[in-house]
Amino acid sequence: WRTKIWVEKAYPELAKKLRFDKSSNERSLQLLR
């Protein structure tokens, strides 16, 4: 699970094309978080 701040710093050009959300669609990451 990558936060929006992390993505904007690591991949600034790619972050402009992404749609961020409050939670992941993957159940595994929901449980882990």
ModelCIF file with pLDDT and N, C-alpha, C, O atoms, coordinates in Angstrom:
data_MODEL
#
_entry.id   MODEL 
#
_entity.id                         1 
_entity.type                       polymer 
_entity.pdbx_number_of_molecules   1 
#
_entity_poly.entity_id                      1 
_entity_poly.type                           'polypeptide(L)' 
_entity_poly.nstd_linkage                   no 
_entity_poly.nstd_monomer                   no 
_entity_poly.pdbx_seq_one_letter_code       WRTKIWVEKAYPELAKKLRFDKSSNERSLQLLR 
_entity_poly.pdbx_seq_one_letter_code_can   WRTKIWVEKAYPELAKKLRFDKSSNERSLQLLR 
_entity_poly.pdbx_strand_id                 A 
#
loop_
_entity_poly_seq.entity_id 
_entity_poly_seq.num 
_entity_poly_seq.mon_id 
_entity_poly_seq.hetero 
1 1  TRP n 
1 2  ARG n 
1 3  THR n 
1 4  LYS n 
1 5  ILE n 
1 6  TRP n 
1 7  VAL n 
1 8  GLU n 
1 9  LYS n 
1 10 ALA n 
1 11 TYR n 
1 12 PRO n 
1 13 GLU n 
1 14 LEU n 
1 15 ALA n 
1 16 LYS n 
1 17 LYS n 
1 18 LEU n 
1 19 ARG n 
1 20 PHE n 
1 21 ASP n 
1 22 LYS n 
1 23 SER n 
1 24 SER n 
1 25 ASN n 
1 26 GLU n 
1 27 ARG n 
1 28 SER n 
1 29 LEU n 
1 30 GLN n 
1 31 LEU n 
1 32 LEU n 
1 33 ARG n 
#
_struct_asym.id          A 
_struct_asym.entity_id   1 
#
loop_
_ma_qa_metric.id 
_ma_qa_metric.mode 
_ma_qa_metric.name 
_ma_qa_metric.software_group_id 
_ma_qa_metric.type 
1 global pLDDT . pLDDT 
2 local  pLDDT . pLDDT 
#
_ma_qa_metric_global.metric_id      1 
_ma_qa_metric_global.metric_value   89.55 
_ma_qa_metric_global.model_id       1 
_ma_qa_metric_global.ordinal_id     1 
#
loop_
_ma_qa_metric_local.label_asym_id 
_ma_qa_metric_local.label_comp_id 
_ma_qa_metric_local.label_seq_id 
_ma_qa_metric_local.metric_id 
_ma_qa_metric_local.metric_value 
_ma_qa_metric_local.model_id 
_ma_qa_metric_local.ordinal_id 
A TRP 1  2 93.00 1 1  
A ARG 2  2 93.00 1 2  
A THR 3  2 92.00 1 3  
A LYS 4  2 92.00 1 4  
A ILE 5  2 93.00 1 5  
A TRP 6  2 92.00 1 6  
A VAL 7  2 93.00 1 7  
A GLU 8  2 93.00 1 8  
A LYS 9  2 92.00 1 9  
A ALA 10 2 90.00 1 10 
A TYR 11 2 90.00 1 11 
A PRO 12 2 91.00 1 12 
A GLU 13 2 90.00 1 13 
A LEU 14 2 91.00 1 14 
A ALA 15 2 91.00 1 15 
A LYS 16 2 91.00 1 16 
A LYS 17 2 91.00 1 17 
A LEU 18 2 91.00 1 18 
A ARG 19 2 90.00 1 19 
A PHE 20 2 91.00 1 20 
A ASP 21 2 89.00 1 21 
A LYS 22 2 86.00 1 22 
A SER 23 2 84.00 1 23 
A SER 24 2 86.00 1 24 
A ASN 25 2 87.00 1 25 
A GLU 26 2 88.00 1 26 
A ARG 27 2 87.00 1 27 
A SER 28 2 88.00 1 28 
A LEU 29 2 88.00 1 29 
A GLN 30 2 86.00 1 30 
A LEU 31 2 86.00 1 31 
A LEU 32 2 86.00 1 32 
A ARG 33 2 84.00 1 33 
#
loop_
_atom_site.group_PDB 
_atom_site.id 
_atom_site.type_symbol 
_atom_site.label_atom_id 
_atom_site.label_alt_id 
_atom_site.label_comp_id 
_atom_site.label_asym_id 
_atom_site.label_entity_id 
_atom_site.label_seq_id 
_atom_site.pdbx_PDB_ins_code 
_atom_site.Cartn_x 
_atom_site.Cartn_y 
_atom_site.Cartn_z 
_atom_site.occupancy 
_atom_site.B_iso_or_equiv 
_atom_site.pdbx_formal_charge 
_atom_site.auth_seq_id 
_atom_site.auth_comp_id 
_atom_site.auth_asym_id 
_atom_site.auth_atom_id 
_atom_site.pdbx_PDB_model_num 
ATOM 1   N N  . TRP A 1 1  ? 0.857  -1.173 0.000   1.00 93.00 ? 1  TRP A N  1 
ATOM 2   C CA . TRP A 1 1  ? 0.000  0.000  0.000   1.00 93.00 ? 1  TRP A CA 1 
ATOM 3   C C  . TRP A 1 1  ? 0.898  1.230  0.000   1.00 93.00 ? 1  TRP A C  1 
ATOM 4   O O  . TRP A 1 1  ? 1.632  1.472  0.958   1.00 93.00 ? 1  TRP A O  1 
ATOM 5   N N  . ARG A 1 2  ? 0.836  1.994  -1.066  1.00 93.00 ? 2  ARG A N  1 
ATOM 6   C CA . ARG A 1 2  ? 1.640  3.196  -1.206  1.00 93.00 ? 2  ARG A CA 1 
ATOM 7   C C  . ARG A 1 2  ? 0.758  4.423  -0.985  1.00 93.00 ? 2  ARG A C  1 
ATOM 8   O O  . ARG A 1 2  ? -0.291 4.571  -1.612  1.00 93.00 ? 2  ARG A O  1 
ATOM 9   N N  . THR A 1 3  ? 1.199  5.293  -0.088  1.00 92.00 ? 3  THR A N  1 
ATOM 10  C CA . THR A 1 3  ? 0.451  6.522  0.148   1.00 92.00 ? 3  THR A CA 1 
ATOM 11  C C  . THR A 1 3  ? 0.619  7.488  -1.023  1.00 92.00 ? 3  THR A C  1 
ATOM 12  O O  . THR A 1 3  ? 1.545  7.364  -1.825  1.00 92.00 ? 3  THR A O  1 
ATOM 13  N N  . LYS A 1 4  ? -0.282 8.434  -1.100  1.00 92.00 ? 4  LYS A N  1 
ATOM 14  C CA . LYS A 1 4  ? -0.241 9.400  -2.194  1.00 92.00 ? 4  LYS A CA 1 
ATOM 15  C C  . LYS A 1 4  ? 1.029  10.240 -2.128  1.00 92.00 ? 4  LYS A C  1 
ATOM 16  O O  . LYS A 1 4  ? 1.612  10.567 -3.162  1.00 92.00 ? 4  LYS A O  1 
ATOM 17  N N  . ILE A 1 5  ? 1.456  10.589 -0.923  1.00 93.00 ? 5  ILE A N  1 
ATOM 18  C CA . ILE A 1 5  ? 2.677  11.393 -0.773  1.00 93.00 ? 5  ILE A CA 1 
ATOM 19  C C  . ILE A 1 5  ? 3.884  10.614 -1.269  1.00 93.00 ? 5  ILE A C  1 
ATOM 20  O O  . ILE A 1 5  ? 4.759  11.173 -1.929  1.00 93.00 ? 5  ILE A O  1 
ATOM 21  N N  . TRP A 1 6  ? 3.935  9.316  -0.952  1.00 92.00 ? 6  TRP A N  1 
ATOM 22  C CA . TRP A 1 6  ? 5.077  8.506  -1.370  1.00 92.00 ? 6  TRP A CA 1 
ATOM 23  C C  . TRP A 1 6  ? 5.133  8.400  -2.889  1.00 92.00 ? 6  TRP A C  1 
ATOM 24  O O  . TRP A 1 6  ? 6.209  8.526  -3.473  1.00 92.00 ? 6  TRP A O  1 
ATOM 25  N N  . VAL A 1 7  ? 3.997  8.170  -3.536  1.00 93.00 ? 7  VAL A N  1 
ATOM 26  C CA . VAL A 1 7  ? 3.966  8.019  -4.993  1.00 93.00 ? 7  VAL A CA 1 
ATOM 27  C C  . VAL A 1 7  ? 4.365  9.319  -5.669  1.00 93.00 ? 7  VAL A C  1 
ATOM 28  O O  . VAL A 1 7  ? 5.089  9.304  -6.664  1.00 93.00 ? 7  VAL A O  1 
ATOM 29  N N  . GLU A 1 8  ? 3.900  10.441 -5.140  1.00 93.00 ? 8  GLU A N  1 
ATOM 30  C CA . GLU A 1 8  ? 4.235  11.729 -5.753  1.00 93.00 ? 8  GLU A CA 1 
ATOM 31  C C  . GLU A 1 8  ? 5.730  12.019 -5.658  1.00 93.00 ? 8  GLU A C  1 
ATOM 32  O O  . GLU A 1 8  ? 6.279  12.688 -6.534  1.00 93.00 ? 8  GLU A O  1 
ATOM 33  N N  . LYS A 1 9  ? 6.394  11.534 -4.622  1.00 92.00 ? 9  LYS A N  1 
ATOM 34  C CA . LYS A 1 9  ? 7.837  11.739 -4.495  1.00 92.00 ? 9  LYS A CA 1 
ATOM 35  C C  . LYS A 1 9  ? 8.623  10.741 -5.332  1.00 92.00 ? 9  LYS A C  1 
ATOM 36  O O  . LYS A 1 9  ? 9.620  11.102 -5.958  1.00 92.00 ? 9  LYS A O  1 
ATOM 37  N N  . ALA A 1 10 ? 8.180  9.482  -5.345  1.00 90.00 ? 10 ALA A N  1 
ATOM 38  C CA . ALA A 1 10 ? 8.928  8.440  -6.050  1.00 90.00 ? 10 ALA A CA 1 
ATOM 39  C C  . ALA A 1 10 ? 8.682  8.476  -7.555  1.00 90.00 ? 10 ALA A C  1 
ATOM 40  O O  . ALA A 1 10 ? 9.622  8.338  -8.338  1.00 90.00 ? 10 ALA A O  1 
ATOM 41  N N  . TYR A 1 11 ? 7.420  8.660  -7.969  1.00 90.00 ? 11 TYR A N  1 
ATOM 42  C CA . TYR A 1 11 ? 7.070  8.663  -9.393  1.00 90.00 ? 11 TYR A CA 1 
ATOM 43  C C  . TYR A 1 11 ? 6.202  9.884  -9.689  1.00 90.00 ? 11 TYR A C  1 
ATOM 44  O O  . TYR A 1 11 ? 4.991  9.742  -9.853  1.00 90.00 ? 11 TYR A O  1 
ATOM 45  N N  . PRO A 1 12 ? 6.788  11.074 -9.761  1.00 91.00 ? 12 PRO A N  1 
ATOM 46  C CA . PRO A 1 12 ? 5.976  12.294 -9.936  1.00 91.00 ? 12 PRO A CA 1 
ATOM 47  C C  . PRO A 1 12 ? 5.185  12.313 -11.237 1.00 91.00 ? 12 PRO A C  1 
ATOM 48  O O  . PRO A 1 12 ? 4.043  12.772 -11.253 1.00 91.00 ? 12 PRO A O  1 
ATOM 49  N N  . GLU A 1 13 ? 5.767  11.823 -12.327 1.00 90.00 ? 13 GLU A N  1 
ATOM 50  C CA . GLU A 1 13 ? 5.052  11.844 -13.601 1.00 90.00 ? 13 GLU A CA 1 
ATOM 51  C C  . GLU A 1 13 ? 3.918  10.824 -13.610 1.00 90.00 ? 13 GLU A C  1 
ATOM 52  O O  . GLU A 1 13 ? 2.844  11.085 -14.154 1.00 90.00 ? 13 GLU A O  1 
ATOM 53  N N  . LEU A 1 14 ? 4.160  9.669  -13.009 1.00 91.00 ? 14 LEU A N  1 
ATOM 54  C CA . LEU A 1 14 ? 3.138  8.632  -12.983 1.00 91.00 ? 14 LEU A CA 1 
ATOM 55  C C  . LEU A 1 14 ? 2.001  8.998  -12.040 1.00 91.00 ? 14 LEU A C  1 
ATOM 56  O O  . LEU A 1 14 ? 0.862  8.589  -12.265 1.00 91.00 ? 14 LEU A O  1 
ATOM 57  N N  . ALA A 1 15 ? 2.286  9.760  -10.988 1.00 91.00 ? 15 ALA A N  1 
ATOM 58  C CA . ALA A 1 15 ? 1.254  10.119 -10.016 1.00 91.00 ? 15 ALA A CA 1 
ATOM 59  C C  . ALA A 1 15 ? 0.147  10.962 -10.639 1.00 91.00 ? 15 ALA A C  1 
ATOM 60  O O  . ALA A 1 15 ? -0.990 10.937 -10.168 1.00 91.00 ? 15 ALA A O  1 
ATOM 61  N N  . LYS A 1 16 ? 0.473  11.713 -11.702 1.00 91.00 ? 16 LYS A N  1 
ATOM 62  C CA . LYS A 1 16 ? -0.538 12.548 -12.345 1.00 91.00 ? 16 LYS A CA 1 
ATOM 63  C C  . LYS A 1 16 ? -1.598 11.727 -13.065 1.00 91.00 ? 16 LYS A C  1 
ATOM 64  O O  . LYS A 1 16 ? -2.697 12.219 -13.318 1.00 91.00 ? 16 LYS A O  1 
ATOM 65  N N  . LYS A 1 17 ? -1.275 10.469 -13.400 1.00 91.00 ? 17 LYS A N  1 
ATOM 66  C CA . LYS A 1 17 ? -2.210 9.627  -14.140 1.00 91.00 ? 17 LYS A CA 1 
ATOM 67  C C  . LYS A 1 17 ? -2.992 8.675  -13.239 1.00 91.00 ? 17 LYS A C  1 
ATOM 68  O O  . LYS A 1 17 ? -3.879 7.968  -13.716 1.00 91.00 ? 17 LYS A O  1 
ATOM 69  N N  . LEU A 1 18 ? -2.677 8.647  -11.951 1.00 91.00 ? 18 LEU A N  1 
ATOM 70  C CA . LEU A 1 18 ? -3.274 7.664  -11.057 1.00 91.00 ? 18 LEU A CA 1 
ATOM 71  C C  . LEU A 1 18 ? -4.468 8.244  -10.319 1.00 91.00 ? 18 LEU A C  1 
ATOM 72  O O  . LEU A 1 18 ? -4.580 9.453  -10.117 1.00 91.00 ? 18 LEU A O  1 
ATOM 73  N N  . ARG A 1 19 ? -5.350 7.346  -9.927  1.00 90.00 ? 19 ARG A N  1 
ATOM 74  C CA . ARG A 1 19 ? -6.519 7.719  -9.122  1.00 90.00 ? 19 ARG A CA 1 
ATOM 75  C C  . ARG A 1 19 ? -6.362 7.089  -7.738  1.00 90.00 ? 19 ARG A C  1 
ATOM 76  O O  . ARG A 1 19 ? -6.376 5.865  -7.604  1.00 90.00 ? 19 ARG A O  1 
ATOM 77  N N  . PHE A 1 20 ? -6.215 7.919  -6.722  1.00 91.00 ? 20 PHE A N  1 
ATOM 78  C CA . PHE A 1 20 ? -5.975 7.459  -5.368  1.00 91.00 ? 20 PHE A CA 1 
ATOM 79  C C  . PHE A 1 20 ? -7.292 7.247  -4.627  1.00 91.00 ? 20 PHE A C  1 
ATOM 80  O O  . PHE A 1 20 ? -8.311 7.861  -4.943  1.00 91.00 ? 20 PHE A O  1 
ATOM 81  N N  . ASP A 1 21 ? -7.243 6.362  -3.632  1.00 89.00 ? 21 ASP A N  1 
ATOM 82  C CA . ASP A 1 21 ? -8.446 6.028  -2.882  1.00 89.00 ? 21 ASP A CA 1 
ATOM 83  C C  . ASP A 1 21 ? -8.081 5.873  -1.412  1.00 89.00 ? 21 ASP A C  1 
ATOM 84  O O  . ASP A 1 21 ? -6.907 5.874  -1.042  1.00 89.00 ? 21 ASP A O  1 
ATOM 85  N N  . LYS A 1 22 ? -9.125 5.739  -0.572  1.00 86.00 ? 22 LYS A N  1 
ATOM 86  C CA . LYS A 1 22 ? -8.921 5.594  0.866   1.00 86.00 ? 22 LYS A CA 1 
ATOM 87  C C  . LYS A 1 22 ? -8.525 4.169  1.259   1.00 86.00 ? 22 LYS A C  1 
ATOM 88  O O  . LYS A 1 22 ? -7.901 3.958  2.299   1.00 86.00 ? 22 LYS A O  1 
ATOM 89  N N  . SER A 1 23 ? -8.886 3.204  0.429   1.00 84.00 ? 23 SER A N  1 
ATOM 90  C CA . SER A 1 23 ? -8.615 1.813  0.772   1.00 84.00 ? 23 SER A CA 1 
ATOM 91  C C  . SER A 1 23 ? -8.308 1.033  -0.492  1.00 84.00 ? 23 SER A C  1 
ATOM 92  O O  . SER A 1 23 ? -8.678 1.431  -1.597  1.00 84.00 ? 23 SER A O  1 
ATOM 93  N N  . SER A 1 24 ? -7.625 -0.083 -0.308  1.00 86.00 ? 24 SER A N  1 
ATOM 94  C CA . SER A 1 24 ? -7.293 -0.949 -1.431  1.00 86.00 ? 24 SER A CA 1 
ATOM 95  C C  . SER A 1 24 ? -8.457 -1.866 -1.761  1.00 86.00 ? 24 SER A C  1 
ATOM 96  O O  . SER A 1 24 ? -9.264 -2.199 -0.894  1.00 86.00 ? 24 SER A O  1 
ATOM 97  N N  . ASN A 1 25 ? -8.537 -2.269 -3.013  1.00 87.00 ? 25 ASN A N  1 
ATOM 98  C CA . ASN A 1 25 ? -9.541 -3.243 -3.414  1.00 87.00 ? 25 ASN A CA 1 
ATOM 99  C C  . ASN A 1 25 ? -9.150 -4.670 -3.034  1.00 87.00 ? 25 ASN A C  1 
ATOM 100 O O  . ASN A 1 25 ? -9.988 -5.571 -3.052  1.00 87.00 ? 25 ASN A O  1 
ATOM 101 N N  . GLU A 1 26 ? -7.890 -4.873 -2.694  1.00 88.00 ? 26 GLU A N  1 
ATOM 102 C CA . GLU A 1 26 ? -7.432 -6.201 -2.317  1.00 88.00 ? 26 GLU A CA 1 
ATOM 103 C C  . GLU A 1 26 ? -7.742 -6.455 -0.845  1.00 88.00 ? 26 GLU A C  1 
ATOM 104 O O  . GLU A 1 26 ? -7.354 -5.682 0.031   1.00 88.00 ? 26 GLU A O  1 
ATOM 105 N N  . ARG A 1 27 ? -8.439 -7.540 -0.597  1.00 87.00 ? 27 ARG A N  1 
ATOM 106 C CA . ARG A 1 27 ? -8.817 -7.865 0.775   1.00 87.00 ? 27 ARG A CA 1 
ATOM 107 C C  . ARG A 1 27 ? -7.590 -8.110 1.657   1.00 87.00 ? 27 ARG A C  1 
ATOM 108 O O  . ARG A 1 27 ? -7.606 -7.783 2.844   1.00 87.00 ? 27 ARG A O  1 
ATOM 109 N N  . SER A 1 28 ? -6.544 -8.674 1.091   1.00 88.00 ? 28 SER A N  1 
ATOM 110 C CA . SER A 1 28 ? -5.337 -8.961 1.866   1.00 88.00 ? 28 SER A CA 1 
ATOM 111 C C  . SER A 1 28 ? -4.747 -7.683 2.450   1.00 88.00 ? 28 SER A C  1 
ATOM 112 O O  . SER A 1 28 ? -4.366 -7.651 3.620   1.00 88.00 ? 28 SER A O  1 
ATOM 113 N N  . LEU A 1 29 ? -4.670 -6.624 1.632   1.00 88.00 ? 29 LEU A N  1 
ATOM 114 C CA . LEU A 1 29 ? -4.137 -5.366 2.128   1.00 88.00 ? 29 LEU A CA 1 
ATOM 115 C C  . LEU A 1 29 ? -5.090 -4.684 3.098   1.00 88.00 ? 29 LEU A C  1 
ATOM 116 O O  . LEU A 1 29 ? -4.645 -3.972 3.998   1.00 88.00 ? 29 LEU A O  1 
ATOM 117 N N  . GLN A 1 30 ? -6.394 -4.888 2.932   1.00 86.00 ? 30 GLN A N  1 
ATOM 118 C CA . GLN A 1 30 ? -7.352 -4.343 3.892   1.00 86.00 ? 30 GLN A CA 1 
ATOM 119 C C  . GLN A 1 30 ? -7.129 -4.938 5.275   1.00 86.00 ? 30 GLN A C  1 
ATOM 120 O O  . GLN A 1 30 ? -7.143 -4.223 6.277   1.00 86.00 ? 30 GLN A O  1 
ATOM 121 N N  . LEU A 1 31 ? -6.925 -6.242 5.325   1.00 86.00 ? 31 LEU A N  1 
ATOM 122 C CA . LEU A 1 31 ? -6.666 -6.894 6.600   1.00 86.00 ? 31 LEU A CA 1 
ATOM 123 C C  . LEU A 1 31 ? -5.346 -6.434 7.197   1.00 86.00 ? 31 LEU A C  1 
ATOM 124 O O  . LEU A 1 31 ? -5.262 -6.168 8.396   1.00 86.00 ? 31 LEU A O  1 
ATOM 125 N N  . LEU A 1 32 ? -4.319 -6.340 6.369   1.00 86.00 ? 32 LEU A N  1 
ATOM 126 C CA . LEU A 1 32 ? -3.011 -5.944 6.867   1.00 86.00 ? 32 LEU A CA 1 
ATOM 127 C C  . LEU A 1 32 ? -3.035 -4.519 7.400   1.00 86.00 ? 32 LEU A C  1 
ATOM 128 O O  . LEU A 1 32 ? -2.439 -4.240 8.440   1.00 86.00 ? 32 LEU A O  1 
ATOM 129 N N  . ARG A 1 33 ? -3.709 -3.623 6.710   1.00 84.00 ? 33 ARG A N  1 
ATOM 130 C CA . ARG A 1 33 ? -3.792 -2.232 7.173   1.00 84.00 ? 33 ARG A CA 1 
ATOM 131 C C  . ARG A 1 33 ? -4.634 -2.117 8.432   1.00 84.00 ? 33 ARG A C  1 
ATOM 132 O O  . ARG A 1 33 ? -4.809 -1.018 8.959   1.00 84.00 ? 33 ARG A O  1 
#
